[in-house]
Amino acid sequence: MDIKKHRRWRKPLVAHLSLTSEHLMRFIQSKGSCSHFHRFPTDMMEQTINLIKSISTYNQQYKKWIKANESNSERFLREA
């Protein structure tokens, strides 16, 4: 995985995960400029759907963990 060195992450992880799920849902709905989901083979469609579910589940678990383990949890839970 190639990680850009000088990228600033101004939003908390919760916001990035929510945005990624939203992008994937748009992709499935074939909205915007990326409308080739319907041409995927069935296994790739299933992987995409499972990815959305996995991100959402992880995000919910992460939120619960942050609330239970961080004194300043609001800082990490902004959906900015």
PDB file of N, CA and C in Angstrom:
ATOM      1  N   MET A   1       0.847  -1.168   0.000  1.00  0.00           N
ATOM      2  CA  MET A   1       0.000   0.000   0.000  1.00  0.00           C
ATOM      3  C   MET A   1       0.897   1.236   0.000  1.00  0.00           C
ATOM      4  N   ASP A   2       0.590   2.164  -0.886  1.00  0.00           N
ATOM      5  CA  ASP A   2       1.355   3.399  -1.000  1.00  0.00           C
ATOM      6  C   ASP A   2       0.680   4.490  -0.186  1.00  0.00           C
ATOM      7  N   ILE A   3       1.372   4.999   0.819  1.00  0.00           N
ATOM      8  CA  ILE A   3       0.820   6.039   1.689  1.00  0.00           C
ATOM      9  C   ILE A   3       1.540   7.354   1.400  1.00  0.00           C
ATOM     10  N   LYS A   4       0.766   8.391   1.118  1.00  0.00           N
ATOM     11  CA  LYS A   4       1.337   9.710   0.871  1.00  0.00           C
ATOM     12  C   LYS A   4       1.880  10.266   2.182  1.00  0.00           C
ATOM     13  N   LYS A   5       3.089  10.786   2.156  1.00  0.00           N
ATOM     14  CA  LYS A   5       3.755  11.211   3.383  1.00  0.00           C
ATOM     15  C   LYS A   5       3.222  12.528   3.941  1.00  0.00           C
ATOM     16  N   HIS A   6       2.844  13.461   3.122  1.00  0.00           N
ATOM     17  CA  HIS A   6       2.524  14.798   3.603  1.00  0.00           C
ATOM     18  C   HIS A   6       1.039  15.117   3.546  1.00  0.00           C
ATOM     19  N   ARG A   7       0.212  14.126   3.599  1.00  0.00           N
ATOM     20  CA  ARG A   7      -1.229  14.350   3.599  1.00  0.00           C
ATOM     21  C   ARG A   7      -1.696  14.607   5.028  1.00  0.00           C
ATOM     22  N   ARG A   8      -2.455  15.676   5.210  1.00  0.00           N
ATOM     23  CA  ARG A   8      -3.010  15.967   6.533  1.00  0.00           C
ATOM     24  C   ARG A   8      -4.397  15.362   6.624  1.00  0.00           C
ATOM     25  N   TRP A   9      -4.637  14.648   7.688  1.00  0.00           N
ATOM     26  CA  TRP A   9      -5.948  14.049   7.936  1.00  0.00           C
ATOM     27  C   TRP A   9      -6.658  14.931   8.948  1.00  0.00           C
ATOM     28  N   ARG A  10      -7.491  15.819   8.453  1.00  0.00           N
ATOM     29  CA  ARG A  10      -8.131  16.800   9.328  1.00  0.00           C
ATOM     30  C   ARG A  10      -9.402  16.267   9.963  1.00  0.00           C
ATOM     31  N   LYS A  11      -9.933  15.201   9.433  1.00  0.00           N
ATOM     32  CA  LYS A  11     -11.151  14.622   9.980  1.00  0.00           C
ATOM     33  C   LYS A  11     -10.792  13.386  10.802  1.00  0.00           C
ATOM     34  N   PRO A  12     -11.600  13.073  11.806  1.00  0.00           N
ATOM     35  CA  PRO A  12     -11.337  11.847  12.571  1.00  0.00           C
ATOM     36  C   PRO A  12     -11.653  10.597  11.736  1.00  0.00           C
ATOM     37  N   LEU A  13     -11.153   9.478  12.181  1.00  0.00           N
ATOM     38  CA  LEU A  13     -11.347   8.214  11.465  1.00  0.00           C
ATOM     39  C   LEU A  13     -12.820   7.918  11.220  1.00  0.00           C
ATOM     40  N   VAL A  14     -13.672   8.215  12.190  1.00  0.00           N
ATOM     41  CA  VAL A  14     -15.114   7.973  12.063  1.00  0.00           C
ATOM     42  C   VAL A  14     -15.664   8.653  10.811  1.00  0.00           C
ATOM     43  N   ALA A  15     -15.248   9.880  10.572  1.00  0.00           N
ATOM     44  CA  ALA A  15     -15.733  10.633   9.416  1.00  0.00           C
ATOM     45  C   ALA A  15     -15.223  10.028   8.111  1.00  0.00           C
ATOM     46  N   HIS A  16     -13.967   9.604   8.091  1.00  0.00           N
ATOM     47  CA  HIS A  16     -13.411   8.990   6.877  1.00  0.00           C
ATOM     48  C   HIS A  16     -14.124   7.673   6.552  1.00  0.00           C
ATOM     49  N   LEU A  17     -14.376   6.875   7.563  1.00  0.00           N
ATOM     50  CA  LEU A  17     -15.064   5.609   7.333  1.00  0.00           C
ATOM     51  C   LEU A  17     -16.489   5.829   6.838  1.00  0.00           C
ATOM     52  N   SER A  18     -17.181   6.797   7.409  1.00  0.00           N
ATOM     53  CA  SER A  18     -18.543   7.113   6.967  1.00  0.00           C
ATOM     54  C   SER A  18     -18.545   7.582   5.516  1.00  0.00           C
ATOM     55  N   LEU A  19     -17.587   8.421   5.179  1.00  0.00           N
ATOM     56  CA  LEU A  19     -17.488   8.929   3.814  1.00  0.00           C
ATOM     57  C   LEU A  19     -17.178   7.803   2.827  1.00  0.00           C
ATOM     58  N   THR A  20     -16.304   6.889   3.207  1.00  0.00           N
ATOM     59  CA  THR A  20     -15.978   5.754   2.335  1.00  0.00           C
ATOM     60  C   THR A  20     -17.212   4.892   2.100  1.00  0.00           C
ATOM     61  N   SER A  21     -17.987   4.631   3.145  1.00  0.00           N
ATOM     62  CA  SER A  21     -19.228   3.867   2.983  1.00  0.00           C
ATOM     63  C   SER A  21     -20.196   4.591   2.045  1.00  0.00           C
ATOM     64  N   GLU A  22     -20.283   5.894   2.228  1.00  0.00           N
ATOM     65  CA  GLU A  22     -21.173   6.696   1.380  1.00  0.00           C
ATOM     66  C   GLU A  22     -20.730   6.631  -0.082  1.00  0.00           C
ATOM     67  N   HIS A  23     -19.428   6.726  -0.327  1.00  0.00           N
ATOM     68  CA  HIS A  23     -18.910   6.632  -1.694  1.00  0.00           C
ATOM     69  C   HIS A  23     -19.242   5.275  -2.313  1.00  0.00           C
ATOM     70  N   LEU A  24     -19.054   4.225  -1.544  1.00  0.00           N
ATOM     71  CA  LEU A  24     -19.346   2.883  -2.059  1.00  0.00           C
ATOM     72  C   LEU A  24     -20.835   2.704  -2.359  1.00  0.00           C
ATOM     73  N   MET A  25     -21.694   3.272  -1.517  1.00  0.00           N
ATOM     74  CA  MET A  25     -23.137   3.196  -1.784  1.00  0.00           C
ATOM     75  C   MET A  25     -23.487   3.936  -3.072  1.00  0.00           C
ATOM     76  N   ARG A  26     -22.888   5.100  -3.273  1.00  0.00           N
ATOM     77  CA  ARG A  26     -23.096   5.846  -4.521  1.00  0.00           C
ATOM     78  C   ARG A  26     -22.639   5.025  -5.717  1.00  0.00           C
ATOM     79  N   PHE A  27     -21.502   4.358  -5.547  1.00  0.00           N
ATOM     80  CA  PHE A  27     -20.956   3.518  -6.614  1.00  0.00           C
ATOM     81  C   PHE A  27     -21.938   2.404  -6.972  1.00  0.00           C
ATOM     82  N   ILE A  28     -22.492   1.753  -5.954  1.00  0.00           N
ATOM     83  CA  ILE A  28     -23.461   0.681  -6.197  1.00  0.00           C
ATOM     84  C   ILE A  28     -24.704   1.227  -6.895  1.00  0.00           C
ATOM     85  N   GLN A  29     -25.131   2.420  -6.509  1.00  0.00           N
ATOM     86  CA  GLN A  29     -26.315   3.027  -7.110  1.00  0.00           C
ATOM     87  C   GLN A  29     -26.038   3.558  -8.508  1.00  0.00           C
ATOM     88  N   SER A  30     -24.775   3.506  -8.934  1.00  0.00           N
ATOM     89  CA  SER A  30     -24.348   4.009 -10.248  1.00  0.00           C
ATOM     90  C   SER A  30     -24.669   5.483 -10.429  1.00  0.00           C
ATOM     91  N   LYS A  31     -24.443   6.256  -9.386  1.00  0.00           N
ATOM     92  CA  LYS A  31     -24.634   7.712  -9.454  1.00  0.00           C
ATOM     93  C   LYS A  31     -23.276   8.363  -9.695  1.00  0.00           C
ATOM     94  N   GLY A  32     -23.293   9.509 -10.292  1.00  0.00           N
ATOM     95  CA  GLY A  32     -22.049  10.227 -10.540  1.00  0.00           C
ATOM     96  C   GLY A  32     -21.325   9.681 -11.754  1.00  0.00           C
ATOM     97  N   SER A  33     -20.022   9.887 -11.790  1.00  0.00           N
ATOM     98  CA  SER A  33     -19.247   9.535 -12.986  1.00  0.00           C
ATOM     99  C   SER A  33     -18.793   8.084 -13.011  1.00  0.00           C
ATOM    100  N   CYS A  34     -19.006   7.342 -11.941  1.00  0.00           N
ATOM    101  CA  CYS A  34     -18.545   5.957 -11.862  1.00  0.00           C
ATOM    102  C   CYS A  34     -19.753   5.028 -11.852  1.00  0.00           C
ATOM    103  N   SER A  35     -20.121   4.528 -13.018  1.00  0.00           N
ATOM    104  CA  SER A  35     -21.362   3.759 -13.113  1.00  0.00           C
ATOM    105  C   SER A  35     -21.153   2.385 -13.750  1.00  0.00           C
ATOM    106  N   HIS A  36     -20.131   1.673 -13.345  1.00  0.00           N
ATOM    107  CA  HIS A  36     -19.878   0.361 -13.935  1.00  0.00           C
ATOM    108  C   HIS A  36     -20.066  -0.801 -12.954  1.00  0.00           C
ATOM    109  N   PHE A  37     -20.625  -0.529 -11.786  1.00  0.00           N
ATOM    110  CA  PHE A  37     -20.862  -1.600 -10.808  1.00  0.00           C
ATOM    111  C   PHE A  37     -21.720  -2.711 -11.410  1.00  0.00           C
ATOM    112  N   HIS A  38     -22.724  -2.349 -12.197  1.00  0.00           N
ATOM    113  CA  HIS A  38     -23.644  -3.340 -12.766  1.00  0.00           C
ATOM    114  C   HIS A  38     -22.949  -4.283 -13.743  1.00  0.00           C
ATOM    115  N   ARG A  39     -21.733  -3.943 -14.187  1.00  0.00           N
ATOM    116  CA  ARG A  39     -21.000  -4.827 -15.096  1.00  0.00           C
ATOM    117  C   ARG A  39     -20.029  -5.744 -14.368  1.00  0.00           C
ATOM    118  N   PHE A  40     -19.914  -5.583 -13.062  1.00  0.00           N
ATOM    119  CA  PHE A  40     -19.032  -6.447 -12.270  1.00  0.00           C
ATOM    120  C   PHE A  40     -19.513  -7.890 -12.336  1.00  0.00           C
ATOM    121  N   PRO A  41     -18.578  -8.841 -12.220  1.00  0.00           N
ATOM    122  CA  PRO A  41     -19.004 -10.226 -12.006  1.00  0.00           C
ATOM    123  C   PRO A  41     -19.645 -10.322 -10.606  1.00  0.00           C
ATOM    124  N   THR A  42     -20.481 -11.310 -10.429  1.00  0.00           N
ATOM    125  CA  THR A  42     -21.233 -11.464  -9.184  1.00  0.00           C
ATOM    126  C   THR A  42     -20.331 -11.482  -7.955  1.00  0.00           C
ATOM    127  N   ASP A  43     -19.184 -12.158  -8.035  1.00  0.00           N
ATOM    128  CA  ASP A  43     -18.307 -12.233  -6.866  1.00  0.00           C
ATOM    129  C   ASP A  43     -17.745 -10.860  -6.479  1.00  0.00           C
ATOM    130  N   MET A  44     -17.456 -10.006  -7.463  1.00  0.00           N
ATOM    131  CA  MET A  44     -16.983  -8.649  -7.133  1.00  0.00           C
ATOM    132  C   MET A  44     -18.105  -7.801  -6.561  1.00  0.00           C
ATOM    133  N   MET A  45     -19.321  -8.005  -7.043  1.00  0.00           N
ATOM    134  CA  MET A  45     -20.470  -7.292  -6.473  1.00  0.00           C
ATOM    135  C   MET A  45     -20.626  -7.668  -4.999  1.00  0.00           C
ATOM    136  N   GLU A  46     -20.543  -8.962  -4.719  1.00  0.00           N
ATOM    137  CA  GLU A  46     -20.662  -9.434  -3.340  1.00  0.00           C
ATOM    138  C   GLU A  46     -19.539  -8.879  -2.469  1.00  0.00           C
ATOM    139  N   GLN A  47     -18.313  -8.838  -2.999  1.00  0.00           N
ATOM    140  CA  GLN A  47     -17.187  -8.291  -2.246  1.00  0.00           C
ATOM    141  C   GLN A  47     -17.413  -6.819  -1.917  1.00  0.00           C
ATOM    142  N   THR A  48     -17.962  -6.073  -2.869  1.00  0.00           N
ATOM    143  CA  THR A  48     -18.226  -4.649  -2.644  1.00  0.00           C
ATOM    144  C   THR A  48     -19.272  -4.468  -1.556  1.00  0.00           C
ATOM    145  N   ILE A  49     -20.333  -5.238  -1.625  1.00  0.00           N
ATOM    146  CA  ILE A  49     -21.397  -5.162  -0.618  1.00  0.00           C
ATOM    147  C   ILE A  49     -20.860  -5.574   0.749  1.00  0.00           C
ATOM    148  N   ASN A  50     -20.066  -6.630   0.791  1.00  0.00           N
ATOM    149  CA  ASN A  50     -19.468  -7.071   2.058  1.00  0.00           C
ATOM    150  C   ASN A  50     -18.491  -6.040   2.610  1.00  0.00           C
ATOM    151  N   LEU A  51     -17.788  -5.340   1.726  1.00  0.00           N
ATOM    152  CA  LEU A  51     -16.884  -4.283   2.156  1.00  0.00           C
ATOM    153  C   LEU A  51     -17.651  -3.167   2.858  1.00  0.00           C
ATOM    154  N   ILE A  52     -18.772  -2.766   2.301  1.00  0.00           N
ATOM    155  CA  ILE A  52     -19.602  -1.725   2.921  1.00  0.00           C
ATOM    156  C   ILE A  52     -20.068  -2.188   4.302  1.00  0.00           C
ATOM    157  N   LYS A  53     -20.546  -3.421   4.385  1.00  0.00           N
ATOM    158  CA  LYS A  53     -21.003  -3.952   5.669  1.00  0.00           C
ATOM    159  C   LYS A  53     -19.859  -3.991   6.676  1.00  0.00           C
ATOM    160  N   SER A  54     -18.698  -4.419   6.230  1.00  0.00           N
ATOM    161  CA  SER A  54     -17.544  -4.533   7.109  1.00  0.00           C
ATOM    162  C   SER A  54     -17.097  -3.169   7.626  1.00  0.00           C
ATOM    163  N   ILE A  55     -17.039  -2.177   6.748  1.00  0.00           N
ATOM    164  CA  ILE A  55     -16.656  -0.824   7.165  1.00  0.00           C
ATOM    165  C   ILE A  55     -17.656  -0.284   8.170  1.00  0.00           C
ATOM    166  N   SER A  56     -18.945  -0.480   7.904  1.00  0.00           N
ATOM    167  CA  SER A  56     -19.985   0.025   8.809  1.00  0.00           C
ATOM    168  C   SER A  56     -19.914  -0.654  10.174  1.00  0.00           C
ATOM    169  N   THR A  57     -19.726  -1.960  10.187  1.00  0.00           N
ATOM    170  CA  THR A  57     -19.612  -2.697  11.443  1.00  0.00           C
ATOM    171  C   THR A  57     -18.391  -2.236  12.230  1.00  0.00           C
ATOM    172  N   TYR A  58     -17.253  -2.113  11.544  1.00  0.00           N
ATOM    173  CA  TYR A  58     -16.035  -1.655  12.200  1.00  0.00           C
ATOM    174  C   TYR A  58     -16.229  -0.257  12.768  1.00  0.00           C
ATOM    175  N   ASN A  59     -16.854   0.623  12.000  1.00  0.00           N
ATOM    176  CA  ASN A  59     -17.061   1.998  12.446  1.00  0.00           C
ATOM    177  C   ASN A  59     -17.915   2.038  13.714  1.00  0.00           C
ATOM    178  N   GLN A  60     -18.958   1.227  13.768  1.00  0.00           N
ATOM    179  CA  GLN A  60     -19.809   1.181  14.963  1.00  0.00           C
ATOM    180  C   GLN A  60     -19.028   0.658  16.168  1.00  0.00           C
ATOM    181  N   GLN A  61     -18.234  -0.394  15.962  1.00  0.00           N
ATOM    182  CA  GLN A  61     -17.430  -0.942  17.056  1.00  0.00           C
ATOM    183  C   GLN A  61     -16.388   0.069  17.522  1.00  0.00           C
ATOM    184  N   TYR A  62     -15.790   0.771  16.597  1.00  0.00           N
ATOM    185  CA  TYR A  62     -14.793   1.789  16.916  1.00  0.00           C
ATOM    186  C   TYR A  62     -15.424   2.906  17.747  1.00  0.00           C
ATOM    187  N   LYS A  63     -16.611   3.353  17.356  1.00  0.00           N
ATOM    188  CA  LYS A  63     -17.308   4.403  18.108  1.00  0.00           C
ATOM    189  C   LYS A  63     -17.558   3.958  19.547  1.00  0.00           C
ATOM    190  N   LYS A  64     -18.020   2.722  19.727  1.00  0.00           N
ATOM    191  CA  LYS A  64     -18.269   2.204  21.078  1.00  0.00           C
ATOM    192  C   LYS A  64     -16.979   2.156  21.884  1.00  0.00           C
ATOM    193  N   TRP A  65     -15.903   1.715  21.256  1.00  0.00           N
ATOM    194  CA  TRP A  65     -14.621   1.617  21.939  1.00  0.00           C
ATOM    195  C   TRP A  65     -14.132   2.991  22.365  1.00  0.00           C
ATOM    196  N   ILE A  66     -14.222   3.953  21.454  1.00  0.00           N
ATOM    197  CA  ILE A  66     -13.787   5.320  21.762  1.00  0.00           C
ATOM    198  C   ILE A  66     -14.580   5.874  22.941  1.00  0.00           C
ATOM    199  N   LYS A  67     -15.901   5.695  22.931  1.00  0.00           N
ATOM    200  CA  LYS A  67     -16.743   6.204  24.019  1.00  0.00           C
ATOM    201  C   LYS A  67     -16.347   5.592  25.357  1.00  0.00           C
ATOM    202  N   ALA A  68     -15.966   4.316  25.339  1.00  0.00           N
ATOM    203  CA  ALA A  68     -15.636   3.613  26.573  1.00  0.00           C
ATOM    204  C   ALA A  68     -14.199   3.869  27.050  1.00  0.00           C
ATOM    205  N   ASN A  69     -13.300   4.240  26.142  1.00  0.00           N
ATOM    206  CA  ASN A  69     -11.883   4.278  26.491  1.00  0.00           C
ATOM    207  C   ASN A  69     -11.191   5.631  26.375  1.00  0.00           C
ATOM    208  N   GLU A  70     -11.843   6.620  25.826  1.00  0.00           N
ATOM    209  CA  GLU A  70     -11.215   7.930  25.674  1.00  0.00           C
ATOM    210  C   GLU A  70     -11.977   8.970  26.481  1.00  0.00           C
ATOM    211  N   SER A  71     -11.257   9.757  27.257  1.00  0.00           N
ATOM    212  CA  SER A  71     -11.921  10.769  28.079  1.00  0.00           C
ATOM    213  C   SER A  71     -12.492  11.909  27.237  1.00  0.00           C
ATOM    214  N   ASN A  72     -11.861  12.207  26.140  1.00  0.00           N
ATOM    215  CA  ASN A  72     -12.321  13.271  25.245  1.00  0.00           C
ATOM    216  C   ASN A  72     -12.891  12.647  23.968  1.00  0.00           C
ATOM    217  N   SER A  73     -13.863  11.769  24.113  1.00  0.00           N
ATOM    218  CA  SER A  73     -14.363  10.983  22.983  1.00  0.00           C
ATOM    219  C   SER A  73     -15.001  11.822  21.885  1.00  0.00           C
ATOM    220  N   GLU A  74     -15.584  12.976  22.231  1.00  0.00           N
ATOM    221  CA  GLU A  74     -16.237  13.800  21.219  1.00  0.00           C
ATOM    222  C   GLU A  74     -15.257  14.235  20.143  1.00  0.00           C
ATOM    223  N   ARG A  75     -14.031  14.424  20.537  1.00  0.00           N
ATOM    224  CA  ARG A  75     -12.974  14.837  19.590  1.00  0.00           C
ATOM    225  C   ARG A  75     -12.793  13.792  18.480  1.00  0.00           C
ATOM    226  N   PHE A  76     -12.945  12.533  18.827  1.00  0.00           N
ATOM    227  CA  PHE A  76     -12.720  11.445  17.869  1.00  0.00           C
ATOM    228  C   PHE A  76     -13.994  11.025  17.141  1.00  0.00           C
ATOM    229  N   LEU A  77     -15.133  11.511  17.583  1.00  0.00           N
ATOM    230  CA  LEU A  77     -16.405  11.063  17.016  1.00  0.00           C
ATOM    231  C   LEU A  77     -17.086  12.102  16.134  1.00  0.00           C
ATOM    232  N   ARG A  78     -16.427  13.198  15.874  1.00  0.00           N
ATOM    233  CA  ARG A  78     -16.988  14.215  14.972  1.00  0.00           C
ATOM    234  C   ARG A  78     -17.172  13.619  13.581  1.00  0.00           C
ATOM    235  N   GLU A  79     -18.302  13.866  12.993  1.00  0.00           N
ATOM    236  CA  GLU A  79     -18.570  13.388  11.632  1.00  0.00           C
ATOM    237  C   GLU A  79     -18.275  14.498  10.614  1.00  0.00           C
ATOM    238  N   ALA A  80     -17.504  15.468  11.006  1.00  0.00           N
ATOM    239  CA  ALA A  80     -17.194  16.673  10.225  1.00  0.00           C
ATOM    240  C   ALA A  80     -17.207  16.471   8.747  1.00  0.00           C
TER     241      ALA A  80
END
